[in-house]
C-alpha atoms as a PDB file:
ATOM      1  CA  MET A   1     133.108  53.770 108.199  1.00  0.00           C
ATOM      2  CA  ASN A   2     131.361  52.324 104.835  1.00  0.00           C
ATOM      3  CA  ILE A   3     129.936  48.709 104.765  1.00  0.00           C
ATOM      4  CA  THR A   4     132.374  47.665 102.872  1.00  0.00           C
ATOM      5  CA  GLN A   5     135.307  49.440 104.996  1.00  0.00           C
ATOM      6  CA  ILE A   6     133.503  47.020 107.381  1.00  0.00           C
ATOM      7  CA  LEU A   7     133.605  43.858 105.234  1.00  0.00           C
ATOM      8  CA  GLY A   8     137.396  44.658 103.490  1.00  0.00           C
ATOM      9  CA  THR A   9     135.330  43.436 100.468  1.00  0.00           C
ATOM     10  CA  LYS A  10     135.205  44.921  96.645  1.00  0.00           C
ATOM     11  CA  TYR A  11     131.077  45.160  96.306  1.00  0.00           C
ATOM     12  CA  PRO A  12     128.520  45.232  99.768  1.00  0.00           C
ATOM     13  CA  LEU A  13     126.996  42.200  99.689  1.00  0.00           C
ATOM     14  CA  ILE A  14     126.590  40.070 101.738  1.00  0.00           C
ATOM     15  CA  GLN A  15     126.164  35.981 100.992  1.00  0.00           C
ATOM     16  CA  GLY A  16     123.364  34.684 103.127  1.00  0.00           C
ATOM     17  CA  GLY A  17     124.545  32.058 106.052  1.00  0.00           C
ATOM     18  CA  MET A  18     121.766  29.636 104.160  1.00  0.00           C
ATOM     19  CA  ALA A  19     122.354  26.226 106.751  1.00  0.00           C
ATOM     20  CA  ASN A  20     122.912  23.217 104.699  1.00  0.00           C
ATOM     21  CA  ILE A  21     124.162  25.658 101.772  1.00  0.00           C
ATOM     22  CA  ALA A  22     126.494  27.876 102.309  1.00  0.00           C
ATOM     23  CA  THR A  23     129.481  25.510 103.140  1.00  0.00           C
ATOM     24  CA  GLY A  24     132.943  26.703 103.276  1.00  0.00           C
ATOM     25  CA  ALA A  25     133.921  25.996  99.928  1.00  0.00           C
ATOM     26  CA  PHE A  26     130.733  28.389  98.604  1.00  0.00           C
ATOM     27  CA  ALA A  27     131.861  30.988 101.035  1.00  0.00           C
ATOM     28  CA  ALA A  28     135.015  30.842  99.321  1.00  0.00           C
ATOM     29  CA  ALA A  29     133.958  31.500  95.602  1.00  0.00           C
ATOM     30  CA  VAL A  30     131.330  34.137  97.318  1.00  0.00           C
ATOM     31  CA  SER A  31     135.120  35.781  99.197  1.00  0.00           C
ATOM     32  CA  ASN A  32     137.331  35.259  95.663  1.00  0.00           C
ATOM     33  CA  ALA A  33     134.144  37.149  93.955  1.00  0.00           C
ATOM     34  CA  GLY A  34     134.521  39.835  95.923  1.00  0.00           C
ATOM     35  CA  ALA A  35     131.456  39.576  97.876  1.00  0.00           C
ATOM     36  CA  LEU A  36     131.304  38.246 101.672  1.00  0.00           C
ATOM     37  CA  GLY A  37     131.033  34.418 101.410  1.00  0.00           C
ATOM     38  CA  LEU A  38     129.794  33.158 104.992  1.00  0.00           C
ATOM     39  CA  ILE A  39     129.550  29.836 106.179  1.00  0.00           C
ATOM     40  CA  GLY A  40     126.192  28.797 107.214  1.00  0.00           C
ATOM     41  CA  ALA A  41     126.801  27.545 110.887  1.00  0.00           C
ATOM     42  CA  GLY A  42     123.052  25.946 111.291  1.00  0.00           C
ATOM     43  CA  GLY A  43     123.213  22.531 109.763  1.00  0.00           C
ATOM     44  CA  MET A  44     126.374  21.949 111.457  1.00  0.00           C
ATOM     45  CA  ASP A  45     128.315  20.704 114.255  1.00  0.00           C
ATOM     46  CA  LEU A  46     130.898  22.063 116.404  1.00  0.00           C
ATOM     47  CA  GLU A  47     133.681  20.013 114.569  1.00  0.00           C
ATOM     48  CA  LYS A  48     131.979  20.128 110.925  1.00  0.00           C
ATOM     49  CA  LEU A  49     131.634  24.109 111.173  1.00  0.00           C
ATOM     50  CA  ARG A  50     134.948  23.767 112.445  1.00  0.00           C
ATOM     51  CA  GLU A  51     136.201  22.051 109.536  1.00  0.00           C
ATOM     52  CA  ASN A  52     134.278  24.328 106.970  1.00  0.00           C
ATOM     53  CA  ILE A  53     136.617  27.536 108.474  1.00  0.00           C
ATOM     54  CA  HIS A  54     139.842  25.980 107.577  1.00  0.00           C
ATOM     55  CA  LEU A  55     138.222  24.461 104.706  1.00  0.00           C
ATOM     56  CA  CYS A  56     137.620  28.063 103.572  1.00  0.00           C
ATOM     57  CA  ARG A  57     141.038  30.086 104.791  1.00  0.00           C
ATOM     58  CA  SER A  58     142.333  27.162 102.320  1.00  0.00           C
ATOM     59  CA  LEU A  59     140.192  28.662  99.530  1.00  0.00           C
ATOM     60  CA  THR A  60     140.796  32.088  99.918  1.00  0.00           C
ATOM     61  CA  ASP A  61     142.603  34.822 101.652  1.00  0.00           C
ATOM     62  CA  LYS A  62     139.940  37.298 101.065  1.00  0.00           C
ATOM     63  CA  PRO A  63     137.795  38.189 104.430  1.00  0.00           C
ATOM     64  CA  PHE A  64     134.689  35.419 104.832  1.00  0.00           C
ATOM     65  CA  GLY A  65     132.605  35.150 107.634  1.00  0.00           C
ATOM     66  CA  VAL A  66     129.774  32.689 110.367  1.00  0.00           C
ATOM     67  CA  ASN A  67     126.890  33.416 110.572  1.00  0.00           C
ATOM     68  CA  ILE A  68     125.090  31.432 114.129  1.00  0.00           C
ATOM     69  CA  MET A  69     122.000  30.337 114.237  1.00  0.00           C
ATOM     70  CA  LEU A  70     120.863  31.454 118.075  1.00  0.00           C
ATOM     71  CA  MET A  71     118.871  28.662 118.481  1.00  0.00           C
ATOM     72  CA  HIS A  72     121.331  26.475 117.708  1.00  0.00           C
ATOM     73  CA  PRO A  73     121.653  23.774 120.526  1.00  0.00           C
ATOM     74  CA  GLN A  74     125.894  23.903 120.288  1.00  0.00           C
ATOM     75  CA  ALA A  75     125.111  27.949 120.180  1.00  0.00           C
ATOM     76  CA  ASP A  76     127.155  28.726 122.821  1.00  0.00           C
ATOM     77  CA  GLN A  77     130.278  26.271 121.923  1.00  0.00           C
ATOM     78  CA  MET A  78     129.978  28.326 118.652  1.00  0.00           C
ATOM     79  CA  ALA A  79     130.425  31.785 119.654  1.00  0.00           C
ATOM     80  CA  GLN A  80     133.762  30.707 121.344  1.00  0.00           C
ATOM     81  CA  LEU A  81     134.849  28.980 118.965  1.00  0.00           C
ATOM     82  CA  VAL A  82     134.849  31.329 115.912  1.00  0.00           C
ATOM     83  CA  ILE A  83     137.395  33.863 118.247  1.00  0.00           C
ATOM     84  CA  GLU A  84     139.598  30.341 118.658  1.00  0.00           C
ATOM     85  CA  GLU A  85     140.007  30.548 114.936  1.00  0.00           C
ATOM     86  CA  LYS A  86     139.969  34.817 114.644  1.00  0.00           C
ATOM     87  CA  VAL A  87     136.854  34.217 112.255  1.00  0.00           C
ATOM     88  CA  PRO A  88     136.915  38.268 110.945  1.00  0.00           C
ATOM     89  CA  ILE A  89     132.899  38.624 110.983  1.00  0.00           C
ATOM     90  CA  VAL A  90     130.313  36.763 112.351  1.00  0.00           C
ATOM     91  CA  THR A  91     126.994  37.247 111.608  1.00  0.00           C
ATOM     92  CA  THR A  92     123.518  35.782 113.572  1.00  0.00           C
ATOM     93  CA  GLY A  93     120.209  34.730 113.098  1.00  0.00           C
ATOM     94  CA  ALA A  94     117.083  33.682 115.763  1.00  0.00           C
ATOM     95  CA  GLY A  95     117.622  35.604 118.131  1.00  0.00           C
ATOM     96  CA  ASN A  96     120.238  38.250 120.244  1.00  0.00           C
ATOM     97  CA  PRO A  97     123.593  37.683 120.353  1.00  0.00           C
ATOM     98  CA  GLY A  98     124.157  39.931 123.139  1.00  0.00           C
ATOM     99  CA  PRO A  99     125.800  36.973 125.611  1.00  0.00           C
ATOM    100  CA  TYR A 100     128.716  36.594 123.622  1.00  0.00           C
ATOM    101  CA  MET A 101     129.124  40.726 121.903  1.00  0.00           C
ATOM    102  CA  LYS A 102     131.409  41.280 124.396  1.00  0.00           C
ATOM    103  CA  ALA A 103     133.548  38.305 124.271  1.00  0.00           C
ATOM    104  CA  TRP A 104     133.430  39.078 119.931  1.00  0.00           C
ATOM    105  CA  LYS A 105     134.605  42.323 120.644  1.00  0.00           C
ATOM    106  CA  GLU A 106     137.290  41.770 122.346  1.00  0.00           C
ATOM    107  CA  ALA A 107     138.275  39.774 120.419  1.00  0.00           C
ATOM    108  CA  GLY A 108     138.340  42.013 117.165  1.00  0.00           C
ATOM    109  CA  ILE A 109     135.176  40.442 115.448  1.00  0.00           C
ATOM    110  CA  ARG A 110     132.609  42.115 113.435  1.00  0.00           C
ATOM    111  CA  VAL A 111     129.633  41.737 114.064  1.00  0.00           C
ATOM    112  CA  LEU A 112     126.372  42.004 112.077  1.00  0.00           C
ATOM    113  CA  PRO A 113     123.146  40.736 113.909  1.00  0.00           C
ATOM    114  CA  VAL A 114     119.892  40.328 111.004  1.00  0.00           C
ATOM    115  CA  VAL A 115     116.956  41.994 112.324  1.00  0.00           C
ATOM    116  CA  PRO A 116     113.465  41.753 112.176  1.00  0.00           C
ATOM    117  CA  SER A 117     112.711  44.847 113.179  1.00  0.00           C
ATOM    118  CA  VAL A 118     113.049  48.319 114.612  1.00  0.00           C
ATOM    119  CA  ALA A 119     113.355  47.565 118.084  1.00  0.00           C
ATOM    120  CA  LEU A 120     116.165  44.715 117.897  1.00  0.00           C
ATOM    121  CA  ALA A 121     118.528  46.707 115.505  1.00  0.00           C
ATOM    122  CA  ARG A 122     118.578  49.311 118.158  1.00  0.00           C
ATOM    123  CA  ARG A 123     119.381  47.276 120.923  1.00  0.00           C
ATOM    124  CA  MET A 124     121.978  45.882 119.244  1.00  0.00           C
ATOM    125  CA  GLU A 125     123.119  49.259 118.091  1.00  0.00           C
ATOM    126  CA  GLN A 126     123.128  49.534 121.658  1.00  0.00           C
ATOM    127  CA  LEU A 127     125.343  46.554 122.256  1.00  0.00           C
ATOM    128  CA  GLY A 128     128.311  47.420 120.006  1.00  0.00           C
ATOM    129  CA  ALA A 129     126.976  45.760 116.672  1.00  0.00           C
ATOM    130  CA  ASP A 130     129.364  46.718 113.784  1.00  0.00           C
ATOM    131  CA  ALA A 131     126.438  47.013 111.385  1.00  0.00           C
ATOM    132  CA  VAL A 132     122.766  45.588 110.819  1.00  0.00           C
ATOM    133  CA  ILE A 133     121.118  43.129 108.553  1.00  0.00           C
ATOM    134  CA  ALA A 134     117.549  44.333 107.571  1.00  0.00           C
ATOM    135  CA  GLU A 135     115.886  41.440 106.400  1.00  0.00           C
ATOM    136  CA  GLY A 136     112.143  41.329 105.111  1.00  0.00           C
ATOM    137  CA  THR A 137     109.653  38.255 105.107  1.00  0.00           C
ATOM    138  CA  GLU A 138     110.606  38.380 101.294  1.00  0.00           C
ATOM    139  CA  SER A 139     113.621  36.193 102.031  1.00  0.00           C
ATOM    140  CA  GLY A 140     113.056  32.520 102.407  1.00  0.00           C
ATOM    141  CA  GLY A 141     113.503  30.148 105.084  1.00  0.00           C
ATOM    142  CA  HIS A 142     113.138  31.794 108.879  1.00  0.00           C
ATOM    143  CA  VAL A 143     111.684  34.991 108.353  1.00  0.00           C
ATOM    144  CA  GLY A 144     109.362  37.873 109.914  1.00  0.00           C
ATOM    145  CA  GLU A 145     106.486  39.988 109.564  1.00  0.00           C
ATOM    146  CA  LEU A 146     108.063  43.113 107.594  1.00  0.00           C
ATOM    147  CA  THR A 147     108.266  43.403 104.350  1.00  0.00           C
ATOM    148  CA  THR A 148     111.832  45.449 103.179  1.00  0.00           C
ATOM    149  CA  MET A 149     109.820  48.143 101.991  1.00  0.00           C
ATOM    150  CA  ALA A 150     108.162  48.868 105.187  1.00  0.00           C
ATOM    151  CA  LEU A 151     111.506  47.656 107.323  1.00  0.00           C
ATOM    152  CA  VAL A 152     115.058  49.529 105.395  1.00  0.00           C
ATOM    153  CA  PRO A 153     114.464  53.100 105.718  1.00  0.00           C
ATOM    154  CA  GLN A 154     113.141  52.364 109.614  1.00  0.00           C
ATOM    155  CA  VAL A 155     115.397  50.207 110.687  1.00  0.00           C
ATOM    156  CA  ALA A 156     117.894  52.742 108.704  1.00  0.00           C
ATOM    157  CA  GLN A 157     116.660  56.235 110.563  1.00  0.00           C
ATOM    158  CA  ALA A 158     116.296  54.394 113.507  1.00  0.00           C
ATOM    159  CA  VAL A 159     120.149  52.889 114.112  1.00  0.00           C
ATOM    160  CA  ASN A 160     123.214  55.428 113.402  1.00  0.00           C
ATOM    161  CA  ILE A 161     125.573  51.853 112.374  1.00  0.00           C
ATOM    162  CA  PRO A 162     125.171  51.104 108.557  1.00  0.00           C
ATOM    163  CA  VAL A 163     122.202  48.571 107.716  1.00  0.00           C
ATOM    164  CA  VAL A 164     122.370  46.324 104.672  1.00  0.00           C
ATOM    165  CA  GLY A 165     119.048  45.342 102.914  1.00  0.00           C
ATOM    166  CA  ALA A 166     117.920  41.946 102.973  1.00  0.00           C
ATOM    167  CA  GLY A 167     115.069  39.901 101.201  1.00  0.00           C
ATOM    168  CA  GLY A 168     114.111  40.031  97.602  1.00  0.00           C
ATOM    169  CA  ILE A 169     116.804  41.681  96.089  1.00  0.00           C
ATOM    170  CA  ALA A 170     118.314  39.142  92.493  1.00  0.00           C
ATOM    171  CA  SER A 171     118.363  42.400  89.808  1.00  0.00           C
ATOM    172  CA  SER A 172     120.384  44.875  89.805  1.00  0.00           C
ATOM    173  CA  CYS A 173     116.921  46.993  90.150  1.00  0.00           C
ATOM    174  CA  GLN A 174     116.656  45.539  93.593  1.00  0.00           C
ATOM    175  CA  VAL A 175     120.206  46.388  94.653  1.00  0.00           C
ATOM    176  CA  VAL A 176     119.685  50.612  93.459  1.00  0.00           C
ATOM    177  CA  ALA A 177     115.879  50.245  95.841  1.00  0.00           C
ATOM    178  CA  ALA A 178     117.528  49.179  98.477  1.00  0.00           C
ATOM    179  CA  PHE A 179     120.162  51.720  98.630  1.00  0.00           C
ATOM    180  CA  ALA A 180     117.037  54.366  98.143  1.00  0.00           C
ATOM    181  CA  LEU A 181     116.108  52.788 100.944  1.00  0.00           C
ATOM    182  CA  GLY A 182     119.016  53.782 103.393  1.00  0.00           C
ATOM    183  CA  ALA A 183     121.084  50.775 102.851  1.00  0.00           C
ATOM    184  CA  CYS A 184     124.833  50.447 102.507  1.00  0.00           C
ATOM    185  CA  GLY A 185     124.567  47.463 101.348  1.00  0.00           C
ATOM    186  CA  VAL A 186     123.216  43.954 100.418  1.00  0.00           C
ATOM    187  CA  GLN A 187     122.619  40.213 101.259  1.00  0.00           C
ATOM    188  CA  VAL A 188     121.219  37.854  98.936  1.00  0.00           C
ATOM    189  CA  GLY A 189     120.599  34.265  99.069  1.00  0.00           C
ATOM    190  CA  THR A 190     118.249  33.380  96.922  1.00  0.00           C
ATOM    191  CA  CYS A 191     119.813  34.598  93.482  1.00  0.00           C
ATOM    192  CA  LEU A 192     122.951  31.677  94.889  1.00  0.00           C
ATOM    193  CA  LEU A 193     121.367  28.691  94.821  1.00  0.00           C
ATOM    194  CA  LEU A 194     122.396  28.834  90.544  1.00  0.00           C
ATOM    195  CA  ALA A 195     125.180  29.322  90.853  1.00  0.00           C
ATOM    196  CA  ASP A 196     127.595  27.178  89.536  1.00  0.00           C
ATOM    197  CA  GLU A 197     129.371  26.734  93.298  1.00  0.00           C
ATOM    198  CA  CYS A 198     126.574  26.800  94.938  1.00  0.00           C
ATOM    199  CA  PRO A 199     126.101  22.382  96.499  1.00  0.00           C
ATOM    200  CA  ILE A 200     122.527  21.937  96.643  1.00  0.00           C
ATOM    201  CA  HIS A 201     121.471  18.716  95.013  1.00  0.00           C
ATOM    202  CA  GLU A 202     120.174  18.630  91.244  1.00  0.00           C
ATOM    203  CA  ASN A 203     116.613  18.402  91.630  1.00  0.00           C
ATOM    204  CA  TYR A 204     116.723  21.748  94.092  1.00  0.00           C
ATOM    205  CA  LYS A 205     118.373  23.511  91.166  1.00  0.00           C
ATOM    206  CA  LYS A 206     115.725  22.887  88.905  1.00  0.00           C
ATOM    207  CA  ALA A 207     112.961  23.662  91.358  1.00  0.00           C
ATOM    208  CA  VAL A 208     113.837  26.558  91.866  1.00  0.00           C
ATOM    209  CA  GLU A 209     114.734  27.494  88.109  1.00  0.00           C
ATOM    210  CA  LYS A 210     111.392  26.672  87.386  1.00  0.00           C
ATOM    211  CA  ALA A 211     109.659  29.160  90.112  1.00  0.00           C
ATOM    212  CA  GLY A 212     107.457  31.390  89.416  1.00  0.00           C
ATOM    213  CA  ASP A 213     105.989  34.760  91.502  1.00  0.00           C
ATOM    214  CA  THR A 214     103.837  32.957  93.688  1.00  0.00           C
ATOM    215  CA  SER A 215     105.734  29.816  93.608  1.00  0.00           C
ATOM    216  CA  THR A 216     106.969  30.148  97.839  1.00  0.00           C
ATOM    217  CA  VAL A 217     104.479  29.995 100.892  1.00  0.00           C
ATOM    218  CA  VAL A 218     105.225  30.764 104.485  1.00  0.00           C
ATOM    219  CA  THR A 219     104.858  27.366 106.721  1.00  0.00           C
ATOM    220  CA  GLY A 220     104.746  28.122 110.009  1.00  0.00           C
ATOM    221  CA  ARG A 221     102.850  31.858 110.049  1.00  0.00           C
ATOM    222  CA  ILE A 222     100.246  29.998 112.303  1.00  0.00           C
ATOM    223  CA  ASN A 223     102.587  28.346 114.421  1.00  0.00           C
ATOM    224  CA  GLY A 224     104.788  31.015 115.748  1.00  0.00           C
ATOM    225  CA  THR A 225     107.618  29.167 113.426  1.00  0.00           C
ATOM    226  CA  PRO A 226     107.643  30.502 109.208  1.00  0.00           C
ATOM    227  CA  VAL A 227     109.526  29.649 107.349  1.00  0.00           C
ATOM    228  CA  ARG A 228     109.569  30.652 103.603  1.00  0.00           C
ATOM    229  CA  VAL A 229     109.929  28.070 100.955  1.00  0.00           C
ATOM    230  CA  LEU A 230     108.517  26.327  97.130  1.00  0.00           C
ATOM    231  CA  LYS A 231     105.536  25.089  97.656  1.00  0.00           C
ATOM    232  CA  ASN A 232     105.339  21.377  96.936  1.00  0.00           C
ATOM    233  CA  LYS A 233     103.604  17.869  98.885  1.00  0.00           C
ATOM    234  CA  MET A 234     105.250  18.780 101.925  1.00  0.00           C
ATOM    235  CA  THR A 235     104.202  22.453 102.069  1.00  0.00           C
ATOM    236  CA  ARG A 236     100.618  21.762 101.094  1.00  0.00           C
ATOM    237  CA  GLU A 237      99.391  18.921 103.753  1.00  0.00           C
ATOM    238  CA  TYR A 238     101.685  21.016 105.972  1.00  0.00           C
ATOM    239  CA  VAL A 239      99.671  23.956 105.584  1.00  0.00           C
ATOM    240  CA  LYS A 240      96.253  22.488 105.311  1.00  0.00           C
ATOM    241  CA  ARG A 241      97.836  20.394 109.314  1.00  0.00           C
ATOM    242  CA  GLU A 242      98.372  23.539 110.778  1.00  0.00           C
ATOM    243  CA  LYS A 243      94.704  25.545 109.225  1.00  0.00           C
ATOM    244  CA  GLU A 244      92.939  22.198 111.228  1.00  0.00           C
ATOM    245  CA  GLY A 245      95.404  23.410 114.529  1.00  0.00           C
ATOM    246  CA  ALA A 246      97.419  20.469 114.375  1.00  0.00           C
ATOM    247  CA  SER A 247     100.467  21.118 117.101  1.00  0.00           C
ATOM    248  CA  LYS A 248     104.160  21.351 116.801  1.00  0.00           C
ATOM    249  CA  GLU A 249     104.907  19.022 117.699  1.00  0.00           C
ATOM    250  CA  GLU A 250     102.678  17.282 115.466  1.00  0.00           C
ATOM    251  CA  LEU A 251     104.029  19.544 112.483  1.00  0.00           C
ATOM    252  CA  GLU A 252     107.344  18.279 113.230  1.00  0.00           C
ATOM    253  CA  VAL A 253     106.790  15.123 110.751  1.00  0.00           C
ATOM    254  CA  TYR A 254     106.867  17.573 107.706  1.00  0.00           C
ATOM    255  CA  THR A 255     109.430  19.669 108.942  1.00  0.00           C
ATOM    256  CA  LEU A 256     112.382  18.031 111.091  1.00  0.00           C
ATOM    257  CA  GLY A 257     115.484  16.853 108.531  1.00  0.00           C
ATOM    258  CA  ALA A 258     113.442  18.197 105.166  1.00  0.00           C
ATOM    259  CA  LEU A 259     115.952  21.056 104.295  1.00  0.00           C
ATOM    260  CA  ARG A 260     118.374  18.301 104.608  1.00  0.00           C
ATOM    261  CA  ARG A 261     116.449  15.966 102.240  1.00  0.00           C
ATOM    262  CA  ALA A 262     116.135  18.765  99.788  1.00  0.00           C
ATOM    263  CA  VAL A 263     120.117  20.215  99.532  1.00  0.00           C
ATOM    264  CA  PHE A 264     121.356  16.632  99.648  1.00  0.00           C
ATOM    265  CA  ASP A 265     119.227  14.055  98.962  1.00  0.00           C
ATOM    266  CA  GLY A 266     117.283  16.101  96.379  1.00  0.00           C
ATOM    267  CA  ASP A 267     113.548  15.674  97.451  1.00  0.00           C
ATOM    268  CA  ASP A 268     111.966  17.889  96.056  1.00  0.00           C
ATOM    269  CA  GLN A 269     108.554  16.736  97.163  1.00  0.00           C
ATOM    270  CA  ASN A 270     109.264  15.978 100.849  1.00  0.00           C
ATOM    271  CA  GLY A 271     111.482  18.118 101.520  1.00  0.00           C
ATOM    272  CA  SER A 272     112.071  21.925 102.297  1.00  0.00           C
ATOM    273  CA  LEU A 273     112.988  23.977  99.606  1.00  0.00           C
ATOM    274  CA  MET A 274     114.119  27.255 101.370  1.00  0.00           C
ATOM    275  CA  ALA A 275     113.472  30.249  98.435  1.00  0.00           C
ATOM    276  CA  GLY A 276     112.927  33.804  98.799  1.00  0.00           C
ATOM    277  CA  GLN A 277     109.914  35.221  96.841  1.00  0.00           C
ATOM    278  CA  VAL A 278     112.483  36.499  94.249  1.00  0.00           C
ATOM    279  CA  ALA A 279     113.180  32.643  93.422  1.00  0.00           C
ATOM    280  CA  GLY A 280     110.445  33.709  90.514  1.00  0.00           C
ATOM    281  CA  MET A 281     113.050  35.969  89.014  1.00  0.00           C
ATOM    282  CA  CYS A 282     115.881  33.392  88.968  1.00  0.00           C
ATOM    283  CA  HIS A 283     116.087  31.059  85.792  1.00  0.00           C
ATOM    284  CA  GLU A 284     120.146  31.072  84.885  1.00  0.00           C
ATOM    285  CA  ARG A 285     122.662  29.057  86.139  1.00  0.00           C
ATOM    286  CA  ARG A 286     125.789  31.032  86.063  1.00  0.00           C
ATOM    287  CA  PRO A 287     129.082  31.026  88.313  1.00  0.00           C
ATOM    288  CA  VAL A 288     128.791  33.031  91.606  1.00  0.00           C
ATOM    289  CA  ALA A 289     131.311  35.779  90.532  1.00  0.00           C
ATOM    290  CA  GLN A 290     129.361  36.540  87.035  1.00  0.00           C
ATOM    291  CA  ILE A 291     126.244  36.996  89.608  1.00  0.00           C
ATOM    292  CA  ILE A 292     127.712  39.355  91.563  1.00  0.00           C
ATOM    293  CA  GLU A 293     129.062  41.852  88.891  1.00  0.00           C
ATOM    294  CA  GLU A 294     126.140  41.307  87.097  1.00  0.00           C
ATOM    295  CA  LEU A 295     123.553  42.882  90.906  1.00  0.00           C
ATOM    296  CA  PHE A 296     126.084  45.624  90.620  1.00  0.00           C
ATOM    297  CA  ALA A 297     127.673  46.213  86.838  1.00  0.00           C
ATOM    298  CA  GLY A 298     123.496  47.119  85.877  1.00  0.00           C
ATOM    299  CA  CYS A 299     122.884  49.970  88.723  1.00  0.00           C
ATOM    300  CA  GLY A 300     124.494  52.926  86.892  1.00  0.00           C
ATOM    301  CA  ASP A 301     121.996  52.197  84.120  1.00  0.00           C
ATOM    302  CA  VAL A 302     118.932  52.273  86.597  1.00  0.00           C
ATOM    303  CA  ILE A 303     119.964  55.533  88.421  1.00  0.00           C
ATOM    304  CA  ALA A 304     120.891  56.995  84.705  1.00  0.00           C
ATOM    305  CA  ARG A 305     117.256  55.718  84.131  1.00  0.00           C
ATOM    306  CA  LEU A 306     115.659  57.249  87.311  1.00  0.00           C
ATOM    307  CA  GLN A 307     117.351  60.205  86.525  1.00  0.00           C
ATOM    308  CA  GLU A 308     116.184  60.767  82.721  1.00  0.00           C
ATOM    309  CA  GLU A 309     112.696  59.782  84.070  1.00  0.00           C
ATOM    310  CA  ALA A 310     112.441  62.419  87.103  1.00  0.00           C
ATOM    311  CA  LEU A 311     113.994  65.365  84.411  1.00  0.00           C
END
């Protein structure tokens, strides 16, 4: 079974489950565009998640999913909620979804965990995952150590379930590259930040538009909580204090509530502007349907060029 059959979508594309950004309305827009829209539960409480599931259902008749951050204090209740609400697809991040897998599979939910390593991918296959999302460190938000170029082919070789490539994908060339590495689909987030339907603050969008190739930095790498964001006043102070040996508790002064400040308040200096390294390629605002369509429309030209150059 290929990934579009698993997802029930036109395109082999999953929208990243971006906390505070991936609302029910945004997920519905992505699903209506032929990809898999995700509701990001990371920035919600239980009732807010339920409301967004209902909202998404009212706006689309296409498949959609919920991304559950397993470090969330209400992860147990959210795991049950997706069963109660008959959510067709669940993706997970920041942990091992093992405790929930049996119940999800018995409920008929397709489960696609995000994995940063071969070991976790193998474990997810053993637990019955329908596919895994191999996410490289180029991505925005919480990141692992391995790059997409190194991670995807190793995961694809290690498991017998479909692999979705993520991290550093914002063009047809990169979609084709993900397939060449062994992926059968892609997950994207950063390139959707400039979608007309994306609900982030105008200042956040402008920061992405202005980003260049070296505009992101990973905070928290020394203390074991790595997060990729756009550089600003907050990140400069954070990295300085981190290198001086500040504790996790001392560094939380900078990050607590910082994503919400960026998304809702538009604080582009003290907020956490999560974005991947491909932010430097994202400069044009378009409807989400156009972004997704163009990602795949250009793949044929890329493949033709490669075949011509190989002759």
